[in-house]
PDB file of N, CA and C in Angstrom:
ATOM      1  N   MET A   1     -13.666   3.326  -9.696  1.00  0.00           N
ATOM      2  CA  MET A   1     -14.930   3.856  -8.761  1.00  0.00           C
ATOM      3  C   MET A   1     -14.531   5.071  -8.426  1.00  0.00           C
ATOM      4  N   SER A   2     -15.067   6.011  -8.661  1.00  0.00           N
ATOM      5  CA  SER A   2     -14.804   7.348  -8.238  1.00  0.00           C
ATOM      6  C   SER A   2     -15.166   7.816  -6.771  1.00  0.00           C
ATOM      7  N   ASN A   3     -14.428   8.862  -6.409  1.00  0.00           N
ATOM      8  CA  ASN A   3     -15.022   9.120  -5.375  1.00  0.00           C
ATOM      9  C   ASN A   3     -16.338   9.529  -4.654  1.00  0.00           C
ATOM     10  N   ALA A   4     -16.887   9.826  -5.953  1.00  0.00           N
ATOM     11  CA  ALA A   4     -18.271  10.400  -5.664  1.00  0.00           C
ATOM     12  C   ALA A   4     -19.171   9.209  -5.241  1.00  0.00           C
ATOM     13  N   ASN A   5     -18.690   7.986  -6.080  1.00  0.00           N
ATOM     14  CA  ASN A   5     -19.632   6.951  -5.749  1.00  0.00           C
ATOM     15  C   ASN A   5     -19.393   6.692  -4.402  1.00  0.00           C
ATOM     16  N   LEU A   6     -18.372   6.150  -3.926  1.00  0.00           N
ATOM     17  CA  LEU A   6     -17.423   5.789  -2.760  1.00  0.00           C
ATOM     18  C   LEU A   6     -18.221   6.816  -1.364  1.00  0.00           C
ATOM     19  N   ASN A   7     -18.100   7.949  -1.597  1.00  0.00           N
ATOM     20  CA  ASN A   7     -18.902   8.935  -0.708  1.00  0.00           C
ATOM     21  C   ASN A   7     -20.611   8.389  -0.551  1.00  0.00           C
ATOM     22  N   ARG A   8     -21.030   8.482  -2.089  1.00  0.00           N
ATOM     23  CA  ARG A   8     -22.576   8.060  -1.868  1.00  0.00           C
ATOM     24  C   ARG A   8     -23.007   6.708  -1.169  1.00  0.00           C
ATOM     25  N   ALA A   9     -22.045   5.695  -1.302  1.00  0.00           N
ATOM     26  CA  ALA A   9     -22.254   4.312  -0.822  1.00  0.00           C
ATOM     27  C   ALA A   9     -22.066   4.649   0.615  1.00  0.00           C
ATOM     28  N   GLY A  10     -21.017   5.414   1.135  1.00  0.00           N
ATOM     29  CA  GLY A  10     -20.630   5.672   2.649  1.00  0.00           C
ATOM     30  C   GLY A  10     -22.058   6.348   3.097  1.00  0.00           C
ATOM     31  N   ARG A  11     -23.006   7.408   2.768  1.00  0.00           N
ATOM     32  CA  ARG A  11     -24.110   7.504   3.086  1.00  0.00           C
ATOM     33  C   ARG A  11     -25.117   6.589   3.176  1.00  0.00           C
ATOM     34  N   ALA A  12     -25.074   5.778   2.312  1.00  0.00           N
ATOM     35  CA  ALA A  12     -26.485   4.715   1.779  1.00  0.00           C
ATOM     36  C   ALA A  12     -26.019   3.491   2.650  1.00  0.00           C
ATOM     37  N   LYS A  13     -24.870   3.607   3.382  1.00  0.00           N
ATOM     38  CA  LYS A  13     -24.283   2.136   3.888  1.00  0.00           C
ATOM     39  C   LYS A  13     -24.210   1.123   3.480  1.00  0.00           C
ATOM     40  N   ALA A  14     -24.202   1.110   1.946  1.00  0.00           N
ATOM     41  CA  ALA A  14     -23.834   0.289   1.146  1.00  0.00           C
ATOM     42  C   ALA A  14     -22.415   0.601   0.581  1.00  0.00           C
ATOM     43  N   ASP A  15     -21.429  -0.483   1.873  1.00  0.00           N
ATOM     44  CA  ASP A  15     -20.130  -0.057   1.553  1.00  0.00           C
ATOM     45  C   ASP A  15     -19.657  -1.403   1.470  1.00  0.00           C
ATOM     46  N   GLU A  16     -19.934  -2.275   0.178  1.00  0.00           N
ATOM     47  CA  GLU A  16     -19.570  -3.696   0.034  1.00  0.00           C
ATOM     48  C   GLU A  16     -18.756  -3.373  -0.829  1.00  0.00           C
ATOM     49  N   PHE A  17     -17.630  -3.070  -0.958  1.00  0.00           N
ATOM     50  CA  PHE A  17     -16.486  -2.984  -2.051  1.00  0.00           C
ATOM     51  C   PHE A  17     -15.536  -4.167  -2.232  1.00  0.00           C
ATOM     52  N   TYR A  18     -15.266  -4.482  -3.419  1.00  0.00           N
ATOM     53  CA  TYR A  18     -14.592  -5.963  -3.282  1.00  0.00           C
ATOM     54  C   TYR A  18     -13.368  -5.548  -4.399  1.00  0.00           C
ATOM     55  N   THR A  19     -12.168  -6.532  -4.004  1.00  0.00           N
ATOM     56  CA  THR A  19     -11.119  -6.105  -5.015  1.00  0.00           C
ATOM     57  C   THR A  19     -11.183  -7.196  -6.489  1.00  0.00           C
ATOM     58  N   GLN A  20     -11.152  -6.168  -7.258  1.00  0.00           N
ATOM     59  CA  GLN A  20     -11.346  -6.946  -8.892  1.00  0.00           C
ATOM     60  C   GLN A  20     -10.187  -7.931  -8.912  1.00  0.00           C
ATOM     61  N   LEU A  21     -10.644  -8.808  -9.486  1.00  0.00           N
ATOM     62  CA  LEU A  21      -9.646 -10.261 -10.328  1.00  0.00           C
ATOM     63  C   LEU A  21      -8.504  -9.253 -11.135  1.00  0.00           C
ATOM     64  N   SER A  22      -8.903  -8.319 -11.994  1.00  0.00           N
ATOM     65  CA  SER A  22      -7.711  -8.017 -12.369  1.00  0.00           C
ATOM     66  C   SER A  22      -6.887  -6.971 -11.724  1.00  0.00           C
ATOM     67  N   ASP A  23      -7.240  -6.223 -10.774  1.00  0.00           N
ATOM     68  CA  ASP A  23      -6.697  -5.278  -9.898  1.00  0.00           C
ATOM     69  C   ASP A  23      -5.544  -6.519  -9.129  1.00  0.00           C
ATOM     70  N   ILE A  24      -5.977  -7.497  -8.827  1.00  0.00           N
ATOM     71  CA  ILE A  24      -5.133  -8.486  -8.082  1.00  0.00           C
ATOM     72  C   ILE A  24      -3.838  -9.301  -9.259  1.00  0.00           C
ATOM     73  N   GLU A  25      -4.504  -9.828 -10.424  1.00  0.00           N
ATOM     74  CA  GLU A  25      -3.447 -10.081 -11.028  1.00  0.00           C
ATOM     75  C   GLU A  25      -2.663  -9.030 -11.755  1.00  0.00           C
ATOM     76  N   ARG A  26      -2.953  -7.954 -11.532  1.00  0.00           N
ATOM     77  CA  ARG A  26      -1.900  -7.071 -11.670  1.00  0.00           C
ATOM     78  C   ARG A  26      -1.046  -6.657 -11.042  1.00  0.00           C
ATOM     79  N   GLU A  27      -1.122  -6.525  -9.917  1.00  0.00           N
ATOM     80  CA  GLU A  27      -0.450  -6.540  -8.720  1.00  0.00           C
ATOM     81  C   GLU A  27       0.425  -7.976  -8.338  1.00  0.00           C
ATOM     82  N   LEU A  28       0.062  -8.733  -8.832  1.00  0.00           N
ATOM     83  CA  LEU A  28       0.660 -10.233  -8.192  1.00  0.00           C
ATOM     84  C   LEU A  28       1.134 -11.018  -9.472  1.00  0.00           C
ATOM     85  N   GLU A  29       0.855 -10.153 -10.327  1.00  0.00           N
ATOM     86  CA  GLU A  29       2.129 -10.730 -11.423  1.00  0.00           C
ATOM     87  C   GLU A  29       3.652 -10.453 -11.735  1.00  0.00           C
ATOM     88  N   ARG A  30       3.872  -9.256 -10.296  1.00  0.00           N
ATOM     89  CA  ARG A  30       5.216  -9.141 -10.581  1.00  0.00           C
ATOM     90  C   ARG A  30       6.086 -10.225 -10.240  1.00  0.00           C
ATOM     91  N   ASP A  31       7.280 -10.105 -10.558  1.00  0.00           N
ATOM     92  CA  ASP A  31       8.549 -11.315 -10.428  1.00  0.00           C
ATOM     93  C   ASP A  31       8.780 -11.372  -9.373  1.00  0.00           C
ATOM     94  N   GLU A  32       8.838 -10.450  -8.330  1.00  0.00           N
ATOM     95  CA  GLU A  32       9.294 -10.151  -7.153  1.00  0.00           C
ATOM     96  C   GLU A  32       8.253 -11.034  -6.264  1.00  0.00           C
ATOM     97  N   TYR A  33       6.965 -11.022  -6.646  1.00  0.00           N
ATOM     98  CA  TYR A  33       5.725 -11.928  -5.855  1.00  0.00           C
ATOM     99  C   TYR A  33       5.624 -13.300  -5.877  1.00  0.00           C
ATOM    100  N   ARG A  34       6.282 -13.528  -7.174  1.00  0.00           N
ATOM    101  CA  ARG A  34       6.228 -14.880  -7.766  1.00  0.00           C
ATOM    102  C   ARG A  34       7.634 -15.477  -6.838  1.00  0.00           C
ATOM    103  N   ALA A  35       8.537 -14.785  -6.659  1.00  0.00           N
ATOM    104  CA  ALA A  35       9.810 -15.553  -5.912  1.00  0.00           C
ATOM    105  C   ALA A  35       8.992 -15.448  -4.491  1.00  0.00           C
ATOM    106  N   PHE A  36       8.445 -14.544  -3.941  1.00  0.00           N
ATOM    107  CA  PHE A  36       8.098 -14.617  -2.802  1.00  0.00           C
ATOM    108  C   PHE A  36       7.259 -15.655  -1.954  1.00  0.00           C
ATOM    109  N   PHE A  37       6.101 -15.895  -3.194  1.00  0.00           N
ATOM    110  CA  PHE A  37       5.321 -16.845  -2.637  1.00  0.00           C
ATOM    111  C   PHE A  37       5.774 -18.312  -3.080  1.00  0.00           C
ATOM    112  N   SER A  38       6.981 -18.603  -3.969  1.00  0.00           N
ATOM    113  CA  SER A  38       7.524 -19.782  -3.852  1.00  0.00           C
ATOM    114  C   SER A  38       7.837 -20.692  -2.733  1.00  0.00           C
ATOM    115  N   GLY A  39       7.194 -21.887  -2.597  1.00  0.00           N
ATOM    116  CA  GLY A  39       7.118 -22.608  -1.328  1.00  0.00           C
ATOM    117  C   GLY A  39       6.559 -21.824  -0.101  1.00  0.00           C
ATOM    118  N   LYS A  40       5.943 -21.111  -0.342  1.00  0.00           N
ATOM    119  CA  LYS A  40       5.217 -20.483   0.911  1.00  0.00           C
ATOM    120  C   LYS A  40       3.736 -21.206   1.172  1.00  0.00           C
ATOM    121  N   VAL A  41       3.380 -21.326   2.531  1.00  0.00           N
ATOM    122  CA  VAL A  41       1.876 -21.508   2.563  1.00  0.00           C
ATOM    123  C   VAL A  41       1.378 -20.123   2.489  1.00  0.00           C
ATOM    124  N   VAL A  42      -0.148 -20.100   1.943  1.00  0.00           N
ATOM    125  CA  VAL A  42      -0.891 -19.068   2.003  1.00  0.00           C
ATOM    126  C   VAL A  42      -2.173 -18.863   2.555  1.00  0.00           C
ATOM    127  N   TYR A  43      -2.340 -18.024   3.428  1.00  0.00           N
ATOM    128  CA  TYR A  43      -3.677 -18.199   4.362  1.00  0.00           C
ATOM    129  C   TYR A  43      -4.637 -17.142   3.925  1.00  0.00           C
ATOM    130  N   CYS A  44      -5.775 -17.092   3.500  1.00  0.00           N
ATOM    131  CA  CYS A  44      -6.538 -16.153   2.975  1.00  0.00           C
ATOM    132  C   CYS A  44      -7.948 -16.081   4.127  1.00  0.00           C
ATOM    133  N   ASN A  45      -7.902 -15.259   5.090  1.00  0.00           N
ATOM    134  CA  ASN A  45      -9.339 -14.685   5.829  1.00  0.00           C
ATOM    135  C   ASN A  45     -10.032 -13.913   4.852  1.00  0.00           C
ATOM    136  N   CYS A  46     -11.383 -14.745   4.406  1.00  0.00           N
ATOM    137  CA  CYS A  46     -12.480 -13.859   3.550  1.00  0.00           C
ATOM    138  C   CYS A  46     -13.821 -13.871   4.454  1.00  0.00           C
ATOM    139  N   GLY A  47     -14.303 -13.260   3.995  1.00  0.00           N
ATOM    140  CA  GLY A  47     -15.971 -12.690   4.241  1.00  0.00           C
ATOM    141  C   GLY A  47     -16.549 -13.963   3.957  1.00  0.00           C
ATOM    142  N   ASP A  48     -16.441 -14.505   2.687  1.00  0.00           N
ATOM    143  CA  ASP A  48     -17.039 -15.566   1.766  1.00  0.00           C
ATOM    144  C   ASP A  48     -16.123 -16.321   1.031  1.00  0.00           C
ATOM    145  N   TRP A  49     -15.188 -17.207   1.260  1.00  0.00           N
ATOM    146  CA  TRP A  49     -14.430 -17.751   0.443  1.00  0.00           C
ATOM    147  C   TRP A  49     -14.676 -17.895  -0.839  1.00  0.00           C
ATOM    148  N   ARG A  50     -16.242 -18.226  -1.031  1.00  0.00           N
ATOM    149  CA  ARG A  50     -16.342 -19.002  -2.248  1.00  0.00           C
ATOM    150  C   ARG A  50     -17.023 -17.663  -3.225  1.00  0.00           C
ATOM    151  N   GLN A  51     -16.805 -16.371  -2.974  1.00  0.00           N
ATOM    152  CA  GLN A  51     -16.861 -15.121  -3.533  1.00  0.00           C
ATOM    153  C   GLN A  51     -15.615 -14.707  -3.750  1.00  0.00           C
ATOM    154  N   SER A  52     -14.490 -14.981  -2.857  1.00  0.00           N
ATOM    155  CA  SER A  52     -13.345 -14.004  -2.994  1.00  0.00           C
ATOM    156  C   SER A  52     -12.689 -13.983  -4.341  1.00  0.00           C
ATOM    157  N   GLN A  53     -12.124 -13.074  -4.791  1.00  0.00           N
ATOM    158  CA  GLN A  53     -11.292 -13.170  -5.765  1.00  0.00           C
ATOM    159  C   GLN A  53      -9.573 -13.289  -5.670  1.00  0.00           C
ATOM    160  N   PHE A  54      -9.314 -13.182  -4.143  1.00  0.00           N
ATOM    161  CA  PHE A  54      -8.318 -13.679  -4.129  1.00  0.00           C
ATOM    162  C   PHE A  54      -7.955 -14.977  -4.079  1.00  0.00           C
ATOM    163  N   VAL A  55      -8.943 -15.472  -3.507  1.00  0.00           N
ATOM    164  CA  VAL A  55      -9.300 -17.087  -3.095  1.00  0.00           C
ATOM    165  C   VAL A  55      -9.069 -17.512  -5.075  1.00  0.00           C
ATOM    166  N   ARG A  56      -9.793 -16.865  -5.854  1.00  0.00           N
ATOM    167  CA  ARG A  56      -9.854 -17.495  -6.907  1.00  0.00           C
ATOM    168  C   ARG A  56      -8.559 -17.328  -7.854  1.00  0.00           C
ATOM    169  N   TYR A  57      -7.567 -16.066  -7.685  1.00  0.00           N
ATOM    170  CA  TYR A  57      -6.398 -15.872  -8.139  1.00  0.00           C
ATOM    171  C   TYR A  57      -5.638 -16.976  -7.261  1.00  0.00           C
ATOM    172  N   PHE A  58      -5.436 -17.477  -6.029  1.00  0.00           N
ATOM    173  CA  PHE A  58      -4.206 -18.329  -5.429  1.00  0.00           C
ATOM    174  C   PHE A  58      -4.811 -19.546  -6.029  1.00  0.00           C
ATOM    175  N   VAL A  59      -6.306 -20.155  -6.082  1.00  0.00           N
ATOM    176  CA  VAL A  59      -6.335 -21.545  -6.811  1.00  0.00           C
ATOM    177  C   VAL A  59      -6.032 -21.702  -8.110  1.00  0.00           C
ATOM    178  N   ASP A  60      -6.501 -20.402  -8.834  1.00  0.00           N
ATOM    179  CA  ASP A  60      -5.926 -20.541 -10.315  1.00  0.00           C
ATOM    180  C   ASP A  60      -4.435 -20.648 -10.790  1.00  0.00           C
ATOM    181  N   ASN A  61      -3.571 -20.018  -9.655  1.00  0.00           N
ATOM    182  CA  ASN A  61      -2.168 -19.804 -10.044  1.00  0.00           C
ATOM    183  C   ASN A  61      -1.633 -20.754  -8.996  1.00  0.00           C
ATOM    184  N   PHE A  62      -2.016 -21.600  -7.931  1.00  0.00           N
ATOM    185  CA  PHE A  62      -1.211 -22.679  -7.261  1.00  0.00           C
ATOM    186  C   PHE A  62       0.041 -23.148  -7.875  1.00  0.00           C
ATOM    187  N   ALA A  63      -0.162 -23.617  -8.977  1.00  0.00           N
ATOM    188  CA  ALA A  63       0.846 -24.054  -9.621  1.00  0.00           C
ATOM    189  C   ALA A  63       2.123 -23.353 -10.198  1.00  0.00           C
ATOM    190  N   ALA A  64       1.589 -22.214 -10.906  1.00  0.00           N
ATOM    191  CA  ALA A  64       2.656 -21.301 -11.382  1.00  0.00           C
ATOM    192  C   ALA A  64       3.126 -20.626 -10.241  1.00  0.00           C
ATOM    193  N   LEU A  65       2.500 -20.286  -8.955  1.00  0.00           N
ATOM    194  CA  LEU A  65       3.187 -19.292  -7.985  1.00  0.00           C
ATOM    195  C   LEU A  65       3.997 -20.590  -7.626  1.00  0.00           C
ATOM    196  N   ASN A  66       4.442 -21.819  -7.407  1.00  0.00           N
ATOM    197  CA  ASN A  66       4.813 -22.941  -6.645  1.00  0.00           C
ATOM    198  C   ASN A  66       4.434 -22.723  -5.160  1.00  0.00           C
ATOM    199  N   LEU A  67       3.000 -22.556  -5.087  1.00  0.00           N
ATOM    200  CA  LEU A  67       2.780 -22.521  -3.358  1.00  0.00           C
ATOM    201  C   LEU A  67       2.685 -23.774  -2.906  1.00  0.00           C
ATOM    202  N   LYS A  68       2.989 -23.914  -1.598  1.00  0.00           N
ATOM    203  CA  LYS A  68       3.528 -25.066  -0.956  1.00  0.00           C
ATOM    204  C   LYS A  68       2.006 -25.830  -0.628  1.00  0.00           C
ATOM    205  N   LYS A  69       1.074 -24.674   0.213  1.00  0.00           N
ATOM    206  CA  LYS A  69      -0.221 -24.915   0.336  1.00  0.00           C
ATOM    207  C   LYS A  69      -0.706 -23.726   0.327  1.00  0.00           C
ATOM    208  N   PHE A  70      -2.291 -23.802   0.262  1.00  0.00           N
ATOM    209  CA  PHE A  70      -3.240 -22.413   0.294  1.00  0.00           C
ATOM    210  C   PHE A  70      -4.251 -23.168   0.909  1.00  0.00           C
ATOM    211  N   ILE A  71      -4.467 -22.342   2.019  1.00  0.00           N
ATOM    212  CA  ILE A  71      -5.633 -22.416   3.034  1.00  0.00           C
ATOM    213  C   ILE A  71      -6.870 -20.984   2.771  1.00  0.00           C
ATOM    214  N   ALA A  72      -7.883 -21.006   2.694  1.00  0.00           N
ATOM    215  CA  ALA A  72      -8.811 -20.081   3.072  1.00  0.00           C
ATOM    216  C   ALA A  72     -10.480 -20.376   3.686  1.00  0.00           C
ATOM    217  N   THR A  73     -10.489 -19.293   4.896  1.00  0.00           N
ATOM    218  CA  THR A  73     -11.529 -19.298   5.533  1.00  0.00           C
ATOM    219  C   THR A  73     -12.414 -18.569   5.262  1.00  0.00           C
ATOM    220  N   GLY A  74     -13.393 -18.472   5.898  1.00  0.00           N
ATOM    221  CA  GLY A  74     -14.583 -17.475   5.826  1.00  0.00           C
ATOM    222  C   GLY A  74     -15.595 -17.900   7.096  1.00  0.00           C
ATOM    223  N   MET A  75     -16.365 -16.814   7.100  1.00  0.00           N
ATOM    224  CA  MET A  75     -17.383 -16.461   7.943  1.00  0.00           C
ATOM    225  C   MET A  75     -18.811 -17.546   7.895  1.00  0.00           C
ATOM    226  N   ASN A  76     -19.277 -17.965   8.497  1.00  0.00           N
ATOM    227  CA  ASN A  76     -20.484 -18.879   8.482  1.00  0.00           C
ATOM    228  C   ASN A  76     -21.301 -17.755   8.479  1.00  0.00           C
ATOM    229  N   SER A  77     -22.258 -17.739   7.333  1.00  0.00           N
ATOM    230  CA  SER A  77     -23.215 -16.855   7.385  1.00  0.00           C
ATOM    231  C   SER A  77     -24.705 -17.177   7.651  1.00  0.00           C
ATOM    232  N   GLY A  78     -24.628 -18.624   7.840  1.00  0.00           N
ATOM    233  CA  GLY A  78     -26.085 -19.613   8.127  1.00  0.00           C
ATOM    234  C   GLY A  78     -26.267 -20.011   9.480  1.00  0.00           C
TER     235      GLY A  78
END
């Protein structure tokens, strides 16, 4: 996303931008992160955990990361 898009969205107050799954995968696939997460509890506080790409990544990679536990919470919009 370009700066022009961000500036336009800021002026329109449509500033809901989310991290893409591909960006999360690219960063967290590094070996040092795999070692870091092994045996750990990960807590992910999200606006809506059902739509969070971070939640999706950690759920999909729970075993590969050797996580002890994964907790996700979010705001109740209802």
